[in-house]
Amino acid sequence: MKKILVIHGPNLNLLGQREPDIYGKTTIDEINSELEKIARSRGVSLKIVQSNHEGDIVELIGKSRGEFGAILINPAAYTHTSVAIRDAISAVAIPAVEVHLSNIYAREEFRHTSLIAPVAMGQVSGFGKASYTLGLEAAIGLLK
């Protein structure tokens, strides 16, 4: 199955405007364009979604079984708080790659714990837009 579900979590729709000293000046549309370009060159299709709502993300993951071979997710603030997203990833048993624009381990202490990492195949953080492209390459490698 050569389809990857890409999930951008809360406030990522504000990229390019929100705290550019932390998240950079790249917009979500620029990230999505780069991901689509890479996916096309590798013969993979993407479904890209951004949501500020935890329940929507949980439902999206829950409905992904049988349609997607991997998940690329930036859970954003839900990284540190959402047992529901963690459990959804665990329940669908689809390999997931967690990504973050900033290095969450170099930031405030409450950001040092990811509830998602234990159920993800791996995590890429701290490389700005490249976290997404590196994460996508990892997700492509996980496709069955």
C-alpha atoms as a PDB file:
ATOM      1  CA  MET A   1       0.000   0.000   0.000  1.00  0.00           C
ATOM      2  CA  LYS A   2       1.690   3.177  -1.179  1.00  0.00           C
ATOM      3  CA  LYS A   3      -0.410   5.721   0.676  1.00  0.00           C
ATOM      4  CA  ILE A   4       0.681   7.825   3.631  1.00  0.00           C
ATOM      5  CA  LEU A   5      -1.562   9.812   5.958  1.00  0.00           C
ATOM      6  CA  VAL A   6       0.062  13.116   6.961  1.00  0.00           C
ATOM      7  CA  ILE A   7      -1.395  14.800  10.032  1.00  0.00           C
ATOM      8  CA  HIS A   8      -0.532  18.321  11.151  1.00  0.00           C
ATOM      9  CA  GLY A   9      -1.773  19.009  14.668  1.00  0.00           C
ATOM     10  CA  PRO A  10      -3.013  22.159  16.400  1.00  0.00           C
ATOM     11  CA  ASN A  11      -1.800  25.605  15.407  1.00  0.00           C
ATOM     12  CA  LEU A  12       0.347  24.315  12.552  1.00  0.00           C
ATOM     13  CA  ASN A  13      -1.982  26.189  10.210  1.00  0.00           C
ATOM     14  CA  LEU A  14      -0.261  29.300  11.645  1.00  0.00           C
ATOM     15  CA  LEU A  15       3.239  28.302  10.536  1.00  0.00           C
ATOM     16  CA  GLY A  16       5.185  31.157   9.032  1.00  0.00           C
ATOM     17  CA  GLN A  17       3.404  33.641  11.313  1.00  0.00           C
ATOM     18  CA  ARG A  18       3.535  31.956  14.712  1.00  0.00           C
ATOM     19  CA  GLU A  19       6.763  32.337  16.697  1.00  0.00           C
ATOM     20  CA  PRO A  20       9.078  32.274  13.659  1.00  0.00           C
ATOM     21  CA  ASP A  21      12.123  32.254  15.965  1.00  0.00           C
ATOM     22  CA  ILE A  22      11.021  28.779  17.112  1.00  0.00           C
ATOM     23  CA  TYR A  23       9.082  27.360  14.151  1.00  0.00           C
ATOM     24  CA  GLY A  24      10.693  29.221  11.246  1.00  0.00           C
ATOM     25  CA  LYS A  25       9.122  31.205   8.439  1.00  0.00           C
ATOM     26  CA  THR A  26       8.064  28.242   6.324  1.00  0.00           C
ATOM     27  CA  THR A  27       4.290  27.922   5.911  1.00  0.00           C
ATOM     28  CA  ILE A  28       2.257  24.735   6.115  1.00  0.00           C
ATOM     29  CA  ASP A  29       1.501  25.085   2.385  1.00  0.00           C
ATOM     30  CA  GLU A  30       5.229  25.166   1.607  1.00  0.00           C
ATOM     31  CA  ILE A  31       5.791  22.056   3.723  1.00  0.00           C
ATOM     32  CA  ASN A  32       2.873  20.281   2.047  1.00  0.00           C
ATOM     33  CA  SER A  33       4.172  21.183  -1.424  1.00  0.00           C
ATOM     34  CA  GLU A  34       7.587  19.769  -0.599  1.00  0.00           C
ATOM     35  CA  LEU A  35       6.053  16.573   0.812  1.00  0.00           C
ATOM     36  CA  GLU A  36       3.874  16.138  -2.296  1.00  0.00           C
ATOM     37  CA  LYS A  37       6.895  16.638  -4.556  1.00  0.00           C
ATOM     38  CA  ILE A  38       8.897  13.975  -2.721  1.00  0.00           C
ATOM     39  CA  ALA A  39       5.934  11.580  -2.625  1.00  0.00           C
ATOM     40  CA  ARG A  40       5.312  11.914  -6.390  1.00  0.00           C
ATOM     41  CA  SER A  41       8.966  11.254  -7.140  1.00  0.00           C
ATOM     42  CA  ARG A  42       8.772   8.077  -5.033  1.00  0.00           C
ATOM     43  CA  GLY A  43       5.448   6.811  -6.438  1.00  0.00           C
ATOM     44  CA  VAL A  44       3.589   7.410  -3.169  1.00  0.00           C
ATOM     45  CA  SER A  45       0.323   9.268  -2.598  1.00  0.00           C
ATOM     46  CA  LEU A  46      -0.422  11.410   0.436  1.00  0.00           C
ATOM     47  CA  LYS A  47      -3.540  12.499   2.240  1.00  0.00           C
ATOM     48  CA  ILE A  48      -2.633  15.656   4.144  1.00  0.00           C
ATOM     49  CA  VAL A  49      -4.829  16.974   6.952  1.00  0.00           C
ATOM     50  CA  GLN A  50      -4.416  19.733   9.536  1.00  0.00           C
ATOM     51  CA  SER A  51      -6.669  19.850  12.575  1.00  0.00           C
ATOM     52  CA  ASN A  52      -6.806  21.803  15.788  1.00  0.00           C
ATOM     53  CA  HIS A  53      -9.211  19.236  17.267  1.00  0.00           C
ATOM     54  CA  GLU A  54      -8.018  16.157  19.130  1.00  0.00           C
ATOM     55  CA  GLY A  55     -11.170  14.141  18.423  1.00  0.00           C
ATOM     56  CA  ASP A  56     -10.898  14.785  14.674  1.00  0.00           C
ATOM     57  CA  ILE A  57      -7.307  13.526  14.712  1.00  0.00           C
ATOM     58  CA  VAL A  58      -8.309  10.426  16.695  1.00  0.00           C
ATOM     59  CA  GLU A  59     -11.138   9.658  14.238  1.00  0.00           C
ATOM     60  CA  LEU A  60      -8.873  10.189  11.241  1.00  0.00           C
ATOM     61  CA  ILE A  61      -6.313   7.752  12.629  1.00  0.00           C
ATOM     62  CA  GLY A  62      -9.027   5.278  13.603  1.00  0.00           C
ATOM     63  CA  LYS A  63     -10.388   5.204  10.043  1.00  0.00           C
ATOM     64  CA  SER A  64      -6.939   4.854   8.452  1.00  0.00           C
ATOM     65  CA  ARG A  65      -6.571   1.075   8.740  1.00  0.00           C
ATOM     66  CA  GLY A  66      -6.720  -0.619   5.361  1.00  0.00           C
ATOM     67  CA  GLU A  67      -6.266   2.665   3.489  1.00  0.00           C
ATOM     68  CA  PHE A  68      -2.778   3.809   4.519  1.00  0.00           C
ATOM     69  CA  GLY A  69       0.527   2.016   4.843  1.00  0.00           C
ATOM     70  CA  ALA A  70       2.091   4.603   7.170  1.00  0.00           C
ATOM     71  CA  ILE A  71       1.311   7.747   9.144  1.00  0.00           C
ATOM     72  CA  LEU A  72       3.461  10.867   9.346  1.00  0.00           C
ATOM     73  CA  ILE A  73       2.277  12.964  12.279  1.00  0.00           C
ATOM     74  CA  ASN A  74       3.214  16.212  13.941  1.00  0.00           C
ATOM     75  CA  PRO A  75       0.907  16.074  16.949  1.00  0.00           C
ATOM     76  CA  ALA A  76       2.154  19.523  18.038  1.00  0.00           C
ATOM     77  CA  ALA A  77       0.917  20.345  21.560  1.00  0.00           C
ATOM     78  CA  TYR A  78      -0.979  17.039  21.694  1.00  0.00           C
ATOM     79  CA  THR A  79       2.427  15.319  21.738  1.00  0.00           C
ATOM     80  CA  HIS A  80       2.603  15.952  25.460  1.00  0.00           C
ATOM     81  CA  THR A  81      -1.035  15.565  26.455  1.00  0.00           C
ATOM     82  CA  SER A  82      -3.010  13.207  24.238  1.00  0.00           C
ATOM     83  CA  VAL A  83      -3.414   9.677  25.469  1.00  0.00           C
ATOM     84  CA  ALA A  84      -6.278   9.447  22.940  1.00  0.00           C
ATOM     85  CA  ILE A  85      -4.008  10.072  19.923  1.00  0.00           C
ATOM     86  CA  ARG A  86      -1.402   7.714  21.370  1.00  0.00           C
ATOM     87  CA  ASP A  87      -4.016   4.991  21.814  1.00  0.00           C
ATOM     88  CA  ALA A  88      -5.411   5.528  18.303  1.00  0.00           C
ATOM     89  CA  ILE A  89      -1.967   5.058  16.753  1.00  0.00           C
ATOM     90  CA  SER A  90      -1.419   1.963  18.847  1.00  0.00           C
ATOM     91  CA  ALA A  91      -4.852   0.556  17.985  1.00  0.00           C
ATOM     92  CA  VAL A  92      -4.568   0.813  14.196  1.00  0.00           C
ATOM     93  CA  ALA A  93      -1.121  -0.823  14.133  1.00  0.00           C
ATOM     94  CA  ILE A  94       0.012   1.296  11.172  1.00  0.00           C
ATOM     95  CA  PRO A  95       3.667   2.343  11.378  1.00  0.00           C
ATOM     96  CA  ALA A  96       3.878   5.988  12.407  1.00  0.00           C
ATOM     97  CA  VAL A  97       6.666   8.544  12.277  1.00  0.00           C
ATOM     98  CA  GLU A  98       6.448  11.502  14.669  1.00  0.00           C
ATOM     99  CA  VAL A  99       7.918  14.821  13.515  1.00  0.00           C
ATOM    100  CA  HIS A 100       8.527  18.205  15.107  1.00  0.00           C
ATOM    101  CA  LEU A 101       9.929  21.386  13.595  1.00  0.00           C
ATOM    102  CA  SER A 102      11.687  22.363  16.833  1.00  0.00           C
ATOM    103  CA  ASN A 103      13.807  20.236  19.122  1.00  0.00           C
ATOM    104  CA  ILE A 104      11.233  19.492  21.804  1.00  0.00           C
ATOM    105  CA  TYR A 105      13.990  18.284  24.152  1.00  0.00           C
ATOM    106  CA  ALA A 106      15.735  21.678  24.070  1.00  0.00           C
ATOM    107  CA  ARG A 107      12.588  23.575  25.009  1.00  0.00           C
ATOM    108  CA  GLU A 108      10.447  23.880  28.141  1.00  0.00           C
ATOM    109  CA  GLU A 109      10.574  20.832  30.388  1.00  0.00           C
ATOM    110  CA  PHE A 110       6.893  19.961  29.853  1.00  0.00           C
ATOM    111  CA  ARG A 111       7.712  19.417  26.158  1.00  0.00           C
ATOM    112  CA  HIS A 112      10.385  16.817  26.917  1.00  0.00           C
ATOM    113  CA  THR A 113       7.841  13.989  27.213  1.00  0.00           C
ATOM    114  CA  SER A 114       6.169  12.637  24.107  1.00  0.00           C
ATOM    115  CA  LEU A 115       3.198  10.360  24.686  1.00  0.00           C
ATOM    116  CA  ILE A 116       3.360   9.480  20.976  1.00  0.00           C
ATOM    117  CA  ALA A 117       7.014   8.366  20.773  1.00  0.00           C
ATOM    118  CA  PRO A 118       6.472   4.981  22.494  1.00  0.00           C
ATOM    119  CA  VAL A 119       3.958   3.931  19.809  1.00  0.00           C
ATOM    120  CA  ALA A 120       5.778   5.491  16.840  1.00  0.00           C
ATOM    121  CA  MET A 121       8.463   3.733  14.825  1.00  0.00           C
ATOM    122  CA  GLY A 122      10.653   6.807  15.287  1.00  0.00           C
ATOM    123  CA  GLN A 123      10.816  10.536  15.747  1.00  0.00           C
ATOM    124  CA  VAL A 124      12.519  13.382  13.865  1.00  0.00           C
ATOM    125  CA  SER A 125      12.731  16.752  15.611  1.00  0.00           C
ATOM    126  CA  GLY A 126      14.672  19.966  15.516  1.00  0.00           C
ATOM    127  CA  PHE A 127      15.357  20.319  11.805  1.00  0.00           C
ATOM    128  CA  GLY A 128      12.566  22.676  10.788  1.00  0.00           C
ATOM    129  CA  LYS A 129      10.976  21.781   7.450  1.00  0.00           C
ATOM    130  CA  ALA A 130      13.589  19.059   7.008  1.00  0.00           C
ATOM    131  CA  SER A 131      12.042  17.195   9.968  1.00  0.00           C
ATOM    132  CA  TYR A 132       9.034  16.607   7.726  1.00  0.00           C
ATOM    133  CA  THR A 133      11.042  15.573   4.661  1.00  0.00           C
ATOM    134  CA  LEU A 134      13.254  13.248   6.703  1.00  0.00           C
ATOM    135  CA  GLY A 135      10.161  11.849   8.402  1.00  0.00           C
ATOM    136  CA  LEU A 136       8.480  11.282   5.052  1.00  0.00           C
ATOM    137  CA  GLU A 137      11.509   9.379   3.766  1.00  0.00           C
ATOM    138  CA  ALA A 138      11.343   7.222   6.905  1.00  0.00           C
ATOM    139  CA  ALA A 139       7.587   6.644   6.418  1.00  0.00           C
ATOM    140  CA  ILE A 140       8.143   5.659   2.775  1.00  0.00           C
ATOM    141  CA  GLY A 141      10.705   3.148   3.988  1.00  0.00           C
ATOM    142  CA  LEU A 142       8.086   1.653   6.314  1.00  0.00           C
ATOM    143  CA  LEU A 143       5.462   1.073   3.603  1.00  0.00           C
ATOM    144  CA  LYS A 144       4.502  -2.563   3.226  1.00  0.00           C
END
